[in-house]
Amino acid sequence: EVKSTSDANSDLSGDGVPDIAVNPSTINFPNLDAAAGLEATEIVVVTNQGTADLHISDIYINDDASPFNVNVISSPLIPPGGEAQFTVTFSPDTAADNLGLVYIDSDDPDLPTAQVELNGVGVAPVIEITPNTYDFGTLYIGCEQEQGLSIKNTGSADLIVSNFSFSTASTDMNFDSVEAENGPMPWTISPMSSIEVFVDYSPMDEVGD
């Protein structure tokens, strides 16, 4: 008498396949103050929904210079029905909308590289001075010329201008903070706003400045 052995062989490890599942597939980190050095951490759970052991070979970020960082997974081998986890940290160093991807390499035949999308916003002031260089050219002695300087905040938090350091070997140049309009320092410049100050040049001799 010949009896079926299919049930007895169904548990052999070579008969199954691993099947990876990642949760969450997208992480939206909270907005963080970059100037304060804050960071946020989220947990990613990797589950094996298949019928054979799942082997995780690598986990990495698509951009080494990004403000995201990933740590090692709790177990690189996940049995059927089991799970492991790793964390992703967001620590911005400037004002920016940051996008990233975590890649998870495994031996899942259908999805050899799973992904987790990362989103995070760094909040910080960013100063922009326009122009950053200027040539007054040649002026007649006794004439005067002034050049405006725009101080703009291109960041996403208030910019505090507390002081100016104005250095020149010439007495022919003077800095004008336009205090009548800008008020006394410190100045608070809101995001995407600007104020204007001036440098005055009035040559009193023929020596170049």
Protein backbone atom coordinates (compact mmCIF):
# COMPACT_ATOMS: atom_id res chain seq x y z
CA GLU A 1 0.00 0.00 0.00
CA VAL A 2 1.37 3.43 -1.02
CA LYS A 3 0.35 6.40 1.09
CA SER A 4 0.69 10.12 0.34
CA THR A 5 3.71 11.88 1.90
CA SER A 6 2.87 15.42 0.82
CA ASP A 7 1.79 16.44 4.32
CA ALA A 8 4.97 15.09 5.86
CA ASN A 9 7.18 16.96 3.37
CA SER A 10 5.33 20.26 3.55
CA ASP A 11 7.40 21.43 6.54
CA LEU A 12 10.77 21.10 4.82
CA SER A 13 12.53 24.48 4.83
CA GLY A 14 13.42 24.22 1.15
CA ASP A 15 9.76 24.15 0.11
CA GLY A 16 8.84 27.67 1.32
CA VAL A 17 9.73 31.21 0.32
CA PRO A 18 10.25 34.34 2.45
CA ASP A 19 7.90 37.30 2.04
CA ILE A 20 8.92 40.68 3.46
CA ALA A 21 6.51 43.33 4.78
CA VAL A 22 7.58 46.72 6.16
CA ASN A 23 5.56 48.99 8.45
CA PRO A 24 5.37 51.93 8.12
CA SER A 25 6.24 52.39 4.47
CA THR A 26 6.33 56.19 4.91
CA ILE A 27 7.61 58.20 7.90
CA ASN A 28 6.63 61.85 8.31
CA PHE A 29 8.87 63.27 11.01
CA PRO A 30 7.75 66.34 13.00
CA ASN A 31 9.21 69.73 12.09
CA LEU A 32 12.35 70.25 14.18
CA ASP A 33 14.32 73.32 15.26
CA ALA A 34 17.70 72.77 13.59
CA ALA A 35 19.42 75.46 15.66
CA ALA A 36 18.44 73.67 18.89
CA GLY A 37 20.01 70.39 17.77
CA LEU A 38 16.77 68.45 18.17
CA GLU A 39 16.18 64.97 16.75
CA ALA A 40 13.28 62.54 16.34
CA THR A 41 13.34 58.73 16.11
CA GLU A 42 10.80 56.35 14.58
CA ILE A 43 10.61 52.53 14.66
CA VAL A 44 10.28 50.43 11.49
CA VAL A 45 8.98 46.85 11.85
CA VAL A 46 10.03 44.21 9.30
CA THR A 47 7.76 41.14 9.17
CA ASN A 48 8.20 37.81 7.39
CA GLN A 49 4.84 36.76 5.96
CA GLY A 50 6.33 33.87 4.01
CA THR A 51 6.93 30.19 4.72
CA ALA A 52 10.76 30.22 4.89
CA ASP A 53 13.34 32.20 6.83
CA LEU A 54 13.85 35.79 5.65
CA HIS A 55 17.46 37.01 5.62
CA ILE A 56 18.12 40.77 5.80
CA SER A 57 21.45 41.47 4.11
CA ASP A 58 21.65 45.27 4.35
CA ILE A 59 19.79 48.41 5.46
CA TYR A 60 20.98 51.83 4.28
CA ILE A 61 19.97 55.41 3.40
CA ASN A 62 20.07 56.55 -0.23
CA ASP A 63 22.09 59.69 0.64
CA ASP A 64 24.98 59.63 3.13
CA ALA A 65 24.82 63.43 3.50
CA SER A 66 21.14 63.49 4.46
CA PRO A 67 19.96 64.36 7.99
CA PHE A 68 18.52 60.83 8.35
CA ASN A 69 20.33 57.98 10.06
CA VAL A 70 19.41 54.29 10.32
CA ASN A 71 20.67 51.81 12.92
CA VAL A 72 21.13 48.03 12.67
CA ILE A 73 18.14 45.70 12.65
CA SER A 74 17.39 43.75 15.82
CA SER A 75 17.78 40.42 13.97
CA PRO A 76 18.99 39.81 10.38
CA LEU A 77 17.18 36.44 10.30
CA ILE A 78 13.39 36.50 10.61
CA PRO A 79 11.52 33.16 10.74
CA PRO A 80 8.07 32.72 9.14
CA GLY A 81 5.54 34.78 11.08
CA GLY A 82 8.31 36.58 12.97
CA GLU A 83 9.41 40.19 12.99
CA ALA A 84 12.42 42.41 13.67
CA GLN A 85 12.83 46.18 13.93
CA PHE A 86 15.22 49.06 13.41
CA THR A 87 15.03 52.80 14.04
CA VAL A 88 15.44 55.84 11.80
CA THR A 89 16.57 59.18 13.28
CA PHE A 90 16.01 62.65 11.82
CA SER A 91 18.40 65.41 13.00
CA PRO A 92 18.35 68.47 10.70
CA ASP A 93 21.22 70.97 10.73
CA THR A 94 19.62 73.73 8.66
CA ALA A 95 16.31 74.93 7.24
CA ALA A 96 15.21 72.52 4.49
CA ASP A 97 12.50 70.16 3.33
CA ASN A 98 14.27 66.80 3.51
CA LEU A 99 13.31 63.69 1.54
CA GLY A 100 15.00 60.33 1.84
CA LEU A 101 14.67 56.59 1.31
CA VAL A 102 15.66 53.63 3.44
CA TYR A 103 16.59 50.55 1.41
CA ILE A 104 16.15 47.08 2.95
CA ASP A 105 17.90 44.30 1.01
CA SER A 106 16.73 40.71 1.64
CA ASP A 107 16.29 37.33 -0.04
CA ASP A 108 12.58 37.87 -0.75
CA PRO A 109 12.38 36.72 -4.41
CA ASP A 110 9.48 39.05 -5.24
CA LEU A 111 10.81 42.16 -3.45
CA PRO A 112 14.60 41.94 -3.02
CA THR A 113 14.81 45.62 -1.97
CA ALA A 114 12.00 47.10 0.13
CA GLN A 115 11.81 50.86 0.72
CA VAL A 116 10.67 53.27 3.42
CA GLU A 117 10.03 56.88 2.38
CA LEU A 118 11.30 59.59 4.76
CA ASN A 119 10.05 63.17 5.10
CA GLY A 120 11.32 65.78 7.55
CA VAL A 121 11.45 69.58 7.77
CA GLY A 122 14.29 71.45 9.47
CA VAL A 123 13.28 74.81 10.94
CA ALA A 124 15.98 77.51 11.19
CA PRO A 125 16.80 81.07 10.10
CA VAL A 126 19.10 81.51 7.09
CA ILE A 127 20.77 84.88 6.45
CA GLU A 128 21.38 86.17 2.93
CA ILE A 129 23.31 89.40 2.23
CA THR A 130 22.91 91.05 -1.18
CA PRO A 131 25.27 92.04 -2.72
CA ASN A 132 28.10 90.19 -1.00
CA THR A 133 30.70 92.28 -2.89
CA TYR A 134 30.53 95.78 -4.33
CA ASP A 135 32.96 98.08 -6.16
CA PHE A 136 32.36 101.80 -5.63
CA GLY A 137 34.63 102.50 -8.58
CA THR A 138 36.34 105.87 -8.90
CA LEU A 139 34.80 108.93 -7.22
CA TYR A 140 35.90 112.55 -7.26
CA ILE A 141 37.22 113.82 -3.95
CA GLY A 142 34.38 115.33 -1.94
CA CYS A 143 31.68 113.32 -3.73
CA GLU A 144 29.63 110.72 -1.91
CA GLN A 145 28.05 107.44 -2.94
CA GLU A 146 26.00 105.00 -0.89
CA GLN A 147 25.38 101.30 -1.48
CA GLY A 148 22.42 99.50 0.00
CA LEU A 149 22.82 96.07 1.55
CA SER A 150 19.79 93.81 1.83
CA ILE A 151 19.70 91.47 4.83
CA LYS A 152 17.15 88.77 4.07
CA ASN A 153 15.95 85.77 6.04
CA THR A 154 15.46 82.91 3.57
CA GLY A 155 14.90 80.35 6.34
CA SER A 156 11.80 79.16 8.16
CA ALA A 157 12.29 80.74 11.62
CA ASP A 158 12.87 84.30 12.87
CA LEU A 159 16.37 85.65 12.25
CA ILE A 160 17.85 87.74 15.11
CA VAL A 161 20.49 90.27 14.04
CA SER A 162 22.15 91.35 17.28
CA ASN A 163 25.20 93.26 16.11
CA PHE A 164 27.38 94.32 13.18
CA SER A 165 31.13 94.04 12.94
CA PHE A 166 32.26 96.77 10.53
CA SER A 167 35.97 96.85 9.81
CA THR A 168 37.79 99.26 7.48
CA ALA A 169 41.18 100.92 7.41
CA SER A 170 39.65 103.94 5.73
CA THR A 171 37.82 106.84 7.33
CA ASP A 172 36.12 107.44 3.96
CA MET A 173 33.60 104.61 4.50
CA ASN A 174 30.83 104.60 7.06
CA PHE A 175 28.12 102.13 7.95
CA ASP A 176 24.54 103.35 8.27
CA SER A 177 22.15 101.01 10.11
CA VAL A 178 19.18 103.27 9.24
CA GLU A 179 18.01 103.05 12.82
CA ALA A 180 15.19 105.53 12.15
CA GLU A 181 13.50 102.89 9.97
CA ASN A 182 14.94 99.61 11.26
CA GLY A 183 14.88 100.52 14.93
CA PRO A 184 17.61 99.76 17.45
CA MET A 185 19.27 96.33 17.50
CA PRO A 186 18.60 93.51 17.96
CA TRP A 187 16.50 93.21 14.79
CA THR A 188 14.04 90.37 14.30
CA ILE A 189 13.57 89.44 10.64
CA SER A 190 10.72 87.05 9.93
CA PRO A 191 11.03 84.29 7.28
CA MET A 192 11.25 85.62 3.71
CA SER A 193 11.46 89.22 4.97
CA SER A 194 14.38 91.66 4.70
CA ILE A 195 15.71 95.00 5.87
CA GLU A 196 18.13 97.39 4.17
CA VAL A 197 21.24 99.09 5.52
CA PHE A 198 23.83 101.25 3.75
CA VAL A 199 27.56 101.74 3.34
CA ASP A 200 28.52 105.35 2.52
CA TYR A 201 31.73 106.18 0.64
CA SER A 202 33.05 109.74 0.48
CA PRO A 203 36.74 109.93 -0.58
CA MET A 204 38.66 112.77 1.00
CA ASP A 205 42.01 112.15 -0.73
CA GLU A 206 43.46 110.33 -3.74
CA VAL A 207 44.42 107.16 -1.87
CA GLY A 208 42.44 104.05 -2.93
CA ASP A 209 40.26 102.39 -0.23
